C-alpha cells in the first residue's frame, strides 16, 4: 500500500480508514493536508479537522459540502461496524464539541462517495479545484486511498506544481503496521 501511495508523484494522495483517520500520505498529500497534520490534538483525523479546527472553514471552500460528506461517511462506517468503540468515541467527542456535527449526525444521512471535485483554499497553492477518486484497497479491507489530480496545463495542475515545490519532501507515515488498531482501540501512530 505504501509503495503504491508513494509512487503516485503527480497526485496528492493519502490513505484513510473508515473513521477518517489519515494513516499515511505521499509527499504532495502531506503538503496539501499540512494543516491536518500540524495539529497533534486532532490526531490526523479528517472529521476532527473539519469540525474542530477553525482553519477548516477557509481550507475547504465548500465547507458545508465536506462537512456533510464527513458525517455521511462516518454514518456508513457505523452501519458497517456498529461495535467499533473508537468510532463511537469519535462521534461522541464530535457531538459534544461541535453543534454543526451534532446537527448533521441527527439527520441520519448516509452517503458513499467515490469521485468528484474538491475545492480548496490552500495557503501556498491558493484556490484550487482538484478531482478526487476514492480507491478501496481489497487487500486491506476498510482502507481507502484518496487521490487528488488535475488535468495537465490547467490552473489546478499549476497549483499542484507550486505545492510540490513547497518545503522539503516529507511524506507522512503513521504506523502502517497498525492502521486500524485492535478492535475497539484507536490506532497508534508513529511519526
Protein backbone atom coordinates (compact mmCIF):
# COMPACT_ATOMS: atom_id res chain seq x y z
CA UNK A 1 0.00 0.00 0.00
CA UNK A 2 2.75 2.46 0.92
CA UNK A 3 4.70 1.69 -2.26
CA UNK A 4 1.65 2.49 -4.38
CA UNK A 5 0.96 5.64 -2.38
CA UNK A 6 4.49 6.98 -2.72
CA UNK A 7 4.67 6.06 -6.41
CA UNK A 8 1.81 8.50 -7.03
CA UNK A 9 4.01 11.53 -7.65
CA UNK A 10 1.61 13.64 -9.73
CA UNK A 11 -1.29 13.15 -7.34
CA UNK A 12 -1.81 14.37 -3.80
CA UNK A 13 -2.80 11.16 -2.05
CA UNK A 14 -3.39 9.71 1.38
CA UNK A 15 -4.71 6.53 2.97
CA UNK A 16 -7.55 6.72 5.47
CA UNK A 17 -9.64 4.26 7.41
CA UNK A 18 -13.42 4.28 7.84
CA UNK A 19 -13.15 6.58 10.89
CA UNK A 20 -11.43 9.15 8.62
CA UNK A 21 -8.08 8.75 10.36
CA UNK A 22 -5.34 9.61 7.87
CA UNK A 23 -2.81 6.79 8.16
CA UNK A 24 -0.24 7.82 5.56
CA UNK A 25 0.22 10.45 2.86
CA UNK A 26 2.57 10.85 -0.07
CA UNK A 27 4.72 13.99 -0.40
CA UNK A 28 2.08 16.01 -2.23
CA UNK A 29 -0.72 14.75 0.02
CA UNK A 30 1.25 15.77 3.10
CA UNK A 31 1.67 19.26 1.64
CA UNK A 32 -1.97 19.61 0.60
CA UNK A 33 -3.20 18.49 4.02
CA UNK A 34 -0.40 20.10 6.08
CA UNK A 35 -2.94 21.79 8.37
CA UNK A 36 -4.46 18.42 9.26
CA UNK A 37 -1.06 17.06 10.30
CA UNK A 38 0.19 20.12 12.19
CA UNK A 39 -2.45 19.89 14.94
CA UNK A 40 -1.50 16.90 17.12
CA UNK A 41 -4.62 17.37 19.24
CA UNK A 42 -6.77 16.29 16.31
CA UNK A 43 -4.86 13.00 15.69
CA UNK A 44 -4.77 13.46 11.89
CA UNK A 45 -8.49 12.75 11.70
CA UNK A 46 -10.40 14.48 8.90
CA UNK A 47 -13.69 14.72 10.82
CA UNK A 48 -11.93 16.32 13.79
CA UNK A 49 -10.23 18.77 11.44
CA UNK A 50 -13.48 19.66 9.65
CA UNK A 51 -15.49 20.24 12.84
CA UNK A 52 -12.95 21.26 15.47
CA UNK A 53 -10.27 23.28 13.65
CA UNK A 54 -11.33 26.81 12.70
CA UNK A 55 -8.98 26.76 9.72
CA UNK A 56 -11.14 24.11 8.03
CA UNK A 57 -13.80 26.64 7.01
CA UNK A 58 -11.16 28.50 5.00
CA UNK A 59 -9.31 25.42 3.76
CA UNK A 60 -12.43 23.80 2.28
CA UNK A 61 -14.11 26.36 0.02
CA UNK A 62 -17.28 24.25 0.20
CA UNK A 63 -17.10 23.58 3.92
CA UNK A 64 -20.80 22.64 4.14
CA UNK A 65 -20.33 20.02 1.44
CA UNK A 66 -17.27 18.43 3.04
CA UNK A 67 -18.89 18.57 6.48
CA UNK A 68 -21.89 16.68 5.15
CA UNK A 69 -19.69 14.11 3.39
CA UNK A 70 -17.64 13.54 6.56
CA UNK A 71 -20.74 12.83 8.65
CA UNK A 72 -22.29 10.68 5.94
CA UNK A 73 -19.08 8.65 5.71
CA UNK A 74 -18.99 8.16 9.48
CA UNK A 75 -22.66 7.08 9.41
CA UNK A 76 -21.80 4.49 6.78
CA UNK A 77 -18.88 3.25 8.90
CA UNK A 78 -21.16 2.97 11.93
CA UNK A 79 -23.63 0.93 9.89
CA UNK A 80 -20.91 -1.44 8.73
CA UNK A 81 -19.29 -1.83 12.14
CA UNK A 82 -21.70 -0.80 14.93
CA UNK A 83 -19.38 -2.24 17.60
CA UNK A 84 -16.41 0.00 16.74
CA UNK A 85 -15.68 1.64 20.11
CA UNK A 86 -13.18 4.08 18.62
CA UNK A 87 -15.81 5.27 16.14
CA UNK A 88 -18.38 5.65 18.93
CA UNK A 89 -15.86 7.67 20.94
CA UNK A 90 -15.12 9.88 17.93
CA UNK A 91 -18.83 10.51 17.29
CA UNK A 92 -19.38 11.25 20.98
CA UNK A 93 -16.46 13.66 21.10
CA UNK A 94 -17.57 15.49 17.96
CA UNK A 95 -21.17 15.61 19.21
CA UNK A 96 -20.10 17.23 22.47
CA UNK A 97 -17.74 19.76 20.89
CA UNK A 98 -19.45 20.68 17.62
CA UNK A 99 -23.05 21.75 17.15
CA UNK A 100 -22.53 21.60 13.38
CA UNK A 101 -21.57 17.92 13.68
CA UNK A 102 -24.38 17.14 16.12
CA UNK A 103 -27.00 18.63 13.78
CA UNK A 104 -25.73 16.72 10.74
CA UNK A 105 -25.40 13.45 12.71
CA UNK A 106 -29.03 13.73 13.82
CA UNK A 107 -30.14 13.86 10.16
CA UNK A 108 -29.11 10.17 9.75
CA UNK A 109 -27.88 10.74 6.18
CA UNK A 110 -25.62 8.07 4.70
CA UNK A 111 -23.60 8.53 1.54
CA UNK A 112 -20.72 6.77 -0.08
CA UNK A 113 -18.72 8.93 -2.41
CA UNK A 114 -16.12 7.62 -4.84
CA UNK A 115 -15.20 10.59 -7.02
CA UNK A 116 -15.84 14.25 -7.57
CA UNK A 117 -14.22 17.65 -7.29
CA UNK A 118 -12.98 19.23 -4.07
CA UNK A 119 -12.40 22.98 -3.77
CA UNK A 120 -9.53 24.08 -1.53
CA UNK A 121 -8.09 27.40 -0.39
CA UNK A 122 -4.52 26.43 0.37
CA UNK A 123 -2.05 28.90 1.90
CA UNK A 124 0.58 28.03 -0.75
CA UNK A 125 -1.38 26.66 -3.73
CA UNK A 126 -4.18 29.23 -3.47
CA UNK A 127 -7.73 28.50 -4.60
CA UNK A 128 -7.69 25.17 -6.40
CA UNK A 129 -10.31 22.68 -7.56
CA UNK A 130 -8.97 19.15 -7.64
CA UNK A 131 -10.59 15.98 -8.96
CA UNK A 132 -10.57 13.14 -6.47
CA UNK A 133 -11.06 9.41 -6.57
CA UNK A 134 -11.57 7.12 -3.58
CA UNK A 135 -9.87 3.79 -4.22
CA UNK A 136 -10.73 0.98 -1.83
CA UNK A 137 -7.92 -1.45 -1.09
CA UNK A 138 -9.22 -5.02 -1.42
CA UNK A 139 -6.06 -6.40 0.19
CA UNK A 140 -6.62 -4.11 3.20
CA UNK A 141 -10.39 -4.03 3.89
CA UNK A 142 -11.53 -0.79 5.44
CA UNK A 143 -8.69 1.28 3.97
CA UNK A 144 -9.10 3.74 1.14
CA UNK A 145 -6.62 5.75 -0.90
CA UNK A 146 -7.89 9.23 -1.73
CA UNK A 147 -6.07 10.67 -4.75
CA UNK A 148 -6.39 14.28 -5.96
CA UNK A 149 -5.40 15.07 -9.55
CA UNK A 150 -5.69 17.86 -12.09
CA UNK A 151 -5.62 17.91 -15.90
CA UNK A 152 -2.27 18.83 -17.47
CA UNK A 153 -1.93 22.52 -18.40
CA UNK A 154 -4.77 23.55 -16.08
CA UNK A 155 -4.68 26.16 -13.31
CA UNK A 156 -5.16 23.34 -10.81
CA UNK A 157 -2.13 21.48 -12.21
CA UNK A 158 -0.07 24.67 -11.86
CA UNK A 159 -1.24 24.93 -8.24
CA UNK A 160 -0.13 21.33 -7.58
CA UNK A 161 3.24 22.16 -9.12
CA UNK A 162 3.59 25.14 -6.74
CA UNK A 163 2.64 22.89 -3.87
CA UNK A 164 5.17 20.25 -4.94
CA UNK A 165 7.99 22.80 -4.74
CA UNK A 166 6.96 23.93 -1.26
CA UNK A 167 9.03 22.61 1.67
CA UNK A 168 11.21 19.51 1.72
CA UNK A 169 9.93 16.09 0.72
CA UNK A 170 8.35 14.81 3.89
CA UNK A 171 5.80 12.05 3.48
CA UNK A 172 3.65 11.31 6.46
CA UNK A 173 3.59 7.70 7.57
CA UNK A 174 1.54 6.99 10.63
CA UNK A 175 2.38 3.44 11.71
CA UNK A 176 1.32 1.33 8.71
CA UNK A 177 1.52 -1.86 10.80
CA UNK A 178 -1.43 -0.81 12.95
CA UNK A 179 -3.64 1.04 10.51
CA UNK A 180 -6.91 0.04 12.15
CA UNK A 181 -5.71 -0.78 15.66
CA UNK A 182 -7.07 -3.74 17.59
CA UNK A 183 -10.86 -3.93 17.70
CA UNK A 184 -12.22 -1.02 19.67
CA UNK A 185 -8.92 0.81 20.06
CA UNK A 186 -7.63 3.95 18.42
CA UNK A 187 -4.76 3.32 16.01
CA UNK A 188 -1.32 4.00 17.47
CA UNK A 189 0.55 6.48 15.28
CA UNK A 190 4.23 6.74 14.64
CA UNK A 191 5.62 9.92 13.08
